[in-house]
Structures are given as C-alpha cells and as structure tokens.
C-alpha cells in the first residue's frame, strides 16, 4: 500500500479534473452511493470515508447530509490536502493505511470509493469485518468500487468498454496512460465474491445497488 500512496501523491493536483472522463457512469455511480446511505433509516451524525482521496465522496455526503461529522482517512497526505482545500477544517483528516486499525467508532456509516480494490482479497475480507465491527447497530457500509468480471471474457470486455467510454468522454491518451499506471496497483475481485465476504463479515443486509460493467456500488447494513 505504501507504493500506491506515493503514486497517488503524484497525481493529487489534477486528480479531480479527470474523474468525469475516467469514470463513465460518474453521476449514477456516486449518486447510488449517496442513496445507499438512506438504508441507515436515521440521521447520519458520524461518517468515516476510507481511502477518501481528494474528498469527492465526502463532499457528496456533506451535500446530502449537511450536519454530518466527517472523518477522511487516506494514505496520501497530498490527496488529503486537496480534500482539506474543499472541505476546509469542517472535517477530520487522518493519514493512514486501510490495513491499519480504523478510527474509533461507532460510526453511522462507513463509505469508500475506488480504494478498497487496492487490497489483496484477504485484506478486503479483513477490512469488511473491521468495518462491520466499527459500525453502530443499523449502520451502513457503502463501497463504490471497481470489480472484475466473473469470467475472463467478461473481464476483458469490461476493460475494453472502459477505455472506449473514457475516450468518448474526452480522456486524452496521456490521461488514459496515467490511469493505466494507477490500475497496475488494482487487485479487483468479482462482485459475487465481495457480496459473500460482506455476509461472512456479519452484515445482515447486503446488496449491489448499481452496476455498469466494472463499476458497482455495494451496500451492507449492520
């Protein structure tokens, strides 16, 4: 994970500007993640964002739930500086690894976007269990993620679609090359496997609320 943090540190200044071109279903993807928070069934007071990066998801949470106390955790101090510039001091910023103990709960929600796929599968399962334990009763875990295809043929199809769709949205060859460099740190896992791991972690209600090729929004309620 240290190498991944250094790589994202390099890309922090221009990271946000590329997102809409490199995440083809951007609005629906992040929108589904925010909608998933409604499954908590109560006002959100404390929300933890794992692998928060520049705070894209945290900002969307704040817009939908203005009174929420946000804590952003990321391995890149440069990314968190970008987040701080947008959210100001109205949030808590923690530089840390997803494999390390989570900030103390209980949390009403734990969210993540495009970060957990950097962990190996054992690390994902361990993080799901720790997220479950850190949530309060009725708390929700929302993971807006890239997943691999269930077969090699579908996985290749997802990758080809992603490149075509990003180019159609205006991603330059240089931007796609940078994305490919970052993708080398990816450890994608199939959707069905991850849903099963969430259930094994103890979550009572588990589902995929959105999926477009390799982009998926997983939700689990304690």
Protein backbone atom coordinates (compact mmCIF):
# COMPACT_ATOMS: atom_id res chain seq x y z
CA UNK A 1 0.00 0.00 0.00
CA UNK A 2 2.95 2.38 0.51
CA UNK A 3 3.78 2.31 -3.22
CA UNK A 4 0.13 3.03 -4.03
CA UNK A 5 0.10 6.07 -1.72
CA UNK A 6 3.23 7.50 -3.36
CA UNK A 7 1.73 7.02 -6.82
CA UNK A 8 -1.49 8.82 -5.90
CA UNK A 9 0.51 11.58 -4.21
CA UNK A 10 1.99 12.37 -7.65
CA UNK A 11 -1.44 12.59 -9.27
CA UNK A 12 -3.20 14.52 -6.47
CA UNK A 13 -3.17 18.04 -8.04
CA UNK A 14 -5.06 17.05 -11.20
CA UNK A 15 -6.98 14.08 -9.86
CA UNK A 16 -10.49 15.58 -9.64
CA UNK A 17 -10.46 17.11 -13.11
CA UNK A 18 -10.07 13.70 -14.73
CA UNK A 19 -12.74 11.85 -12.77
CA UNK A 20 -15.73 12.51 -15.02
CA UNK A 21 -13.80 11.32 -18.06
CA UNK A 22 -12.29 8.23 -16.42
CA UNK A 23 -15.45 7.14 -14.58
CA UNK A 24 -18.01 6.91 -17.42
CA UNK A 25 -21.09 6.42 -15.16
CA UNK A 26 -19.86 9.15 -12.77
CA UNK A 27 -23.21 10.68 -11.74
CA UNK A 28 -25.11 7.41 -11.38
CA UNK A 29 -22.16 5.76 -9.60
CA UNK A 30 -21.70 8.42 -6.92
CA UNK A 31 -25.44 9.06 -6.78
CA UNK A 32 -26.12 5.41 -5.92
CA UNK A 33 -23.51 5.56 -3.15
CA UNK A 34 -25.24 8.56 -1.58
CA UNK A 35 -28.69 6.99 -1.96
CA UNK A 36 -27.43 3.86 -0.18
CA UNK A 37 -26.93 5.89 2.99
CA UNK A 38 -30.71 6.13 3.34
CA UNK A 39 -30.71 2.48 4.40
CA UNK A 40 -29.48 3.58 7.81
CA UNK A 41 -33.00 4.88 8.43
CA UNK A 42 -31.81 7.69 10.68
CA UNK A 43 -29.91 10.99 10.51
CA UNK A 44 -26.18 10.48 9.99
CA UNK A 45 -24.04 12.01 12.70
CA UNK A 46 -20.64 10.35 12.18
CA UNK A 47 -19.35 9.13 8.81
CA UNK A 48 -15.93 7.64 8.05
CA UNK A 49 -14.59 7.79 4.47
CA UNK A 50 -11.94 5.14 3.75
CA UNK A 51 -9.38 5.90 1.07
CA UNK A 52 -11.01 9.31 0.84
CA UNK A 53 -8.52 10.75 -1.65
CA UNK A 54 -9.39 14.33 -2.57
CA UNK A 55 -12.76 14.04 -0.82
CA UNK A 56 -15.06 13.56 -3.82
CA UNK A 57 -17.35 11.16 -1.98
CA UNK A 58 -17.05 13.02 1.33
CA UNK A 59 -18.20 16.22 -0.38
CA UNK A 60 -21.23 14.42 -1.81
CA UNK A 61 -22.05 13.05 1.66
CA UNK A 62 -21.77 16.54 3.12
CA UNK A 63 -24.04 17.99 0.42
CA UNK A 64 -26.71 15.35 1.08
CA UNK A 65 -26.30 15.34 4.88
CA UNK A 66 -25.08 18.82 5.92
CA UNK A 67 -24.91 18.14 9.65
CA UNK A 68 -22.69 15.09 9.41
CA UNK A 69 -19.30 14.97 11.15
CA UNK A 70 -16.88 13.60 8.55
CA UNK A 71 -13.60 11.78 9.08
CA UNK A 72 -11.46 11.22 5.98
CA UNK A 73 -8.76 8.55 6.01
CA UNK A 74 -6.21 8.17 3.22
CA UNK A 75 -2.63 7.01 2.80
CA UNK A 76 -1.67 10.08 0.76
CA UNK A 77 -1.17 13.34 2.64
CA UNK A 78 -1.24 15.16 -0.72
CA UNK A 79 -4.69 13.80 -1.51
CA UNK A 80 -5.96 14.83 1.92
CA UNK A 81 -4.60 18.35 1.38
CA UNK A 82 -6.78 18.57 -1.73
CA UNK A 83 -9.74 17.39 0.36
CA UNK A 84 -8.98 19.95 3.07
CA UNK A 85 -8.93 22.75 0.48
CA UNK A 86 -12.51 21.86 -0.48
CA UNK A 87 -13.97 20.94 2.93
CA UNK A 88 -11.85 23.39 4.96
CA UNK A 89 -11.46 22.49 8.61
CA UNK A 90 -15.03 21.21 8.85
CA UNK A 91 -13.83 17.59 8.86
CA UNK A 92 -11.20 15.38 10.49
CA UNK A 93 -8.29 14.17 8.36
CA UNK A 94 -6.33 11.01 9.16
CA UNK A 95 -3.29 9.84 7.18
CA UNK A 96 -3.38 6.08 7.43
CA UNK A 97 -3.43 2.74 5.67
CA UNK A 98 -6.56 0.69 5.04
CA UNK A 99 -4.79 -2.27 6.65
CA UNK A 100 -4.34 -0.36 9.93
CA UNK A 101 -6.92 -0.18 12.75
CA UNK A 102 -9.85 2.05 11.85
CA UNK A 103 -10.55 5.29 13.73
CA UNK A 104 -12.70 4.53 16.75
CA UNK A 105 -16.43 4.17 16.20
CA UNK A 106 -19.24 3.66 16.46
CA UNK A 107 -19.96 5.13 13.03
CA UNK A 108 -23.37 5.70 11.49
CA UNK A 109 -21.86 4.98 8.08
CA UNK A 110 -18.53 3.94 6.62
CA UNK A 111 -18.08 4.79 2.95
CA UNK A 112 -15.39 4.24 0.36
CA UNK A 113 -14.95 4.96 -3.34
CA UNK A 114 -12.41 3.32 -5.63
CA UNK A 115 -9.94 2.49 -2.86
CA UNK A 116 -10.53 -0.95 -1.37
CA UNK A 117 -9.66 -2.66 -4.66
CA UNK A 118 -6.01 -1.85 -3.89
CA UNK A 119 -6.07 -4.51 -1.15
CA UNK A 120 -5.47 -8.19 -1.77
CA UNK A 121 -8.55 -10.36 -1.26
CA UNK A 122 -7.56 -11.33 2.30
CA UNK A 123 -7.17 -7.63 3.07
CA UNK A 124 -10.62 -6.88 1.66
CA UNK A 125 -12.21 -9.58 3.82
CA UNK A 126 -10.39 -8.31 6.90
CA UNK A 127 -11.45 -4.72 6.21
CA UNK A 128 -15.09 -5.74 5.72
CA UNK A 129 -15.03 -7.43 9.13
CA UNK A 130 -13.42 -4.40 10.79
CA UNK A 131 -15.92 -2.07 9.13
CA UNK A 132 -18.77 -4.21 10.47
CA UNK A 133 -17.36 -4.06 13.98
CA UNK A 134 -16.81 -0.28 13.81
CA UNK A 135 -20.40 0.50 12.81
CA UNK A 136 -23.20 1.07 15.28
CA UNK A 137 -26.36 -1.03 15.06
CA UNK A 138 -28.18 -0.10 11.87
CA UNK A 139 -25.04 1.48 10.45
CA UNK A 140 -24.29 1.09 6.75
CA UNK A 141 -21.13 0.30 4.82
CA UNK A 142 -21.11 1.65 1.26
CA UNK A 143 -18.38 0.67 -1.17
CA UNK A 144 -18.44 2.36 -4.59
CA UNK A 145 -15.95 0.15 -6.32
CA UNK A 146 -14.44 -1.31 -9.45
CA UNK A 147 -14.97 -5.06 -9.70
CA UNK A 148 -13.62 -7.70 -12.03
CA UNK A 149 -15.77 -9.67 -14.42
CA UNK A 150 -16.98 -13.09 -13.28
CA UNK A 151 -15.15 -14.72 -16.22
CA UNK A 152 -12.02 -13.82 -18.18
CA UNK A 153 -14.08 -12.99 -21.27
CA UNK A 154 -16.28 -10.55 -19.34
CA UNK A 155 -13.30 -9.05 -17.54
CA UNK A 156 -11.66 -8.29 -20.89
CA UNK A 157 -14.95 -6.85 -22.15
CA UNK A 158 -15.19 -4.55 -19.12
CA UNK A 159 -11.65 -3.27 -19.74
CA UNK A 160 -12.27 -2.63 -23.44
CA UNK A 161 -15.54 -0.82 -22.71
CA UNK A 162 -13.84 1.34 -20.07
CA UNK A 163 -11.17 2.52 -22.49
CA UNK A 164 -13.69 3.27 -25.25
CA UNK A 165 -16.10 5.06 -22.92
CA UNK A 166 -13.35 7.20 -21.36
CA UNK A 167 -12.12 8.22 -24.81
CA UNK A 168 -15.66 9.10 -25.88
CA UNK A 169 -15.90 11.40 -22.84
CA UNK A 170 -12.72 13.20 -23.85
CA UNK A 171 -9.97 11.39 -21.94
CA UNK A 172 -6.66 12.06 -23.68
CA UNK A 173 -4.05 9.43 -24.43
CA UNK A 174 -1.92 10.92 -21.65
CA UNK A 175 -4.76 10.76 -19.14
CA UNK A 176 -5.56 7.17 -20.05
CA UNK A 177 -1.87 6.25 -19.75
CA UNK A 178 -1.87 7.76 -16.24
CA UNK A 179 -4.99 5.80 -15.39
CA UNK A 180 -3.38 2.61 -16.67
CA UNK A 181 -0.36 3.31 -14.48
CA UNK A 182 -2.59 3.61 -11.42
CA UNK A 183 -4.55 0.50 -12.44
CA UNK A 184 -1.40 -1.57 -12.05
CA UNK A 185 -1.98 -1.28 -8.30
CA UNK A 186 -5.54 -2.64 -8.63
CA UNK A 187 -6.48 -6.01 -7.15
CA UNK A 188 -10.03 -6.32 -8.45
CA UNK A 189 -12.34 -9.05 -7.19
CA UNK A 190 -15.66 -10.30 -8.64
CA UNK A 191 -18.86 -8.74 -7.35
CA UNK A 192 -20.39 -12.02 -6.15
CA UNK A 193 -17.30 -12.84 -4.10
CA UNK A 194 -17.37 -9.46 -2.39
CA UNK A 195 -21.07 -9.74 -1.54
CA UNK A 196 -20.36 -13.13 0.00
CA UNK A 197 -17.46 -11.69 2.02
CA UNK A 198 -19.72 -8.95 3.38
CA UNK A 199 -22.26 -11.53 4.53
CA UNK A 200 -19.47 -13.59 6.11
CA UNK A 201 -18.32 -10.45 7.95
CA UNK A 202 -21.68 -10.42 9.75
CA UNK A 203 -23.70 -7.88 7.80
CA UNK A 204 -27.43 -8.61 7.85
CA UNK A 205 -28.50 -6.85 4.63
CA UNK A 206 -26.17 -6.97 1.64
CA UNK A 207 -26.79 -5.97 -1.98
CA UNK A 208 -25.42 -4.33 -5.11
CA UNK A 209 -27.44 -1.16 -5.77
CA UNK A 210 -25.71 -0.15 -9.01
CA UNK A 211 -23.57 -1.83 -11.64
CA UNK A 212 -22.29 -0.69 -15.03
CA UNK A 213 -19.62 -3.05 -16.38
CA UNK A 214 -16.83 -2.91 -13.79
CA UNK A 215 -18.29 -0.08 -11.70
CA UNK A 216 -20.51 -1.23 -8.81
CA UNK A 217 -21.95 0.14 -5.59
CA UNK A 218 -22.13 -2.41 -2.78
CA UNK A 219 -24.09 -1.74 0.40
CA UNK A 220 -24.18 -3.67 3.68
CA UNK A 221 -26.19 -2.82 6.79
CA UNK A 222 -25.27 -3.98 10.26
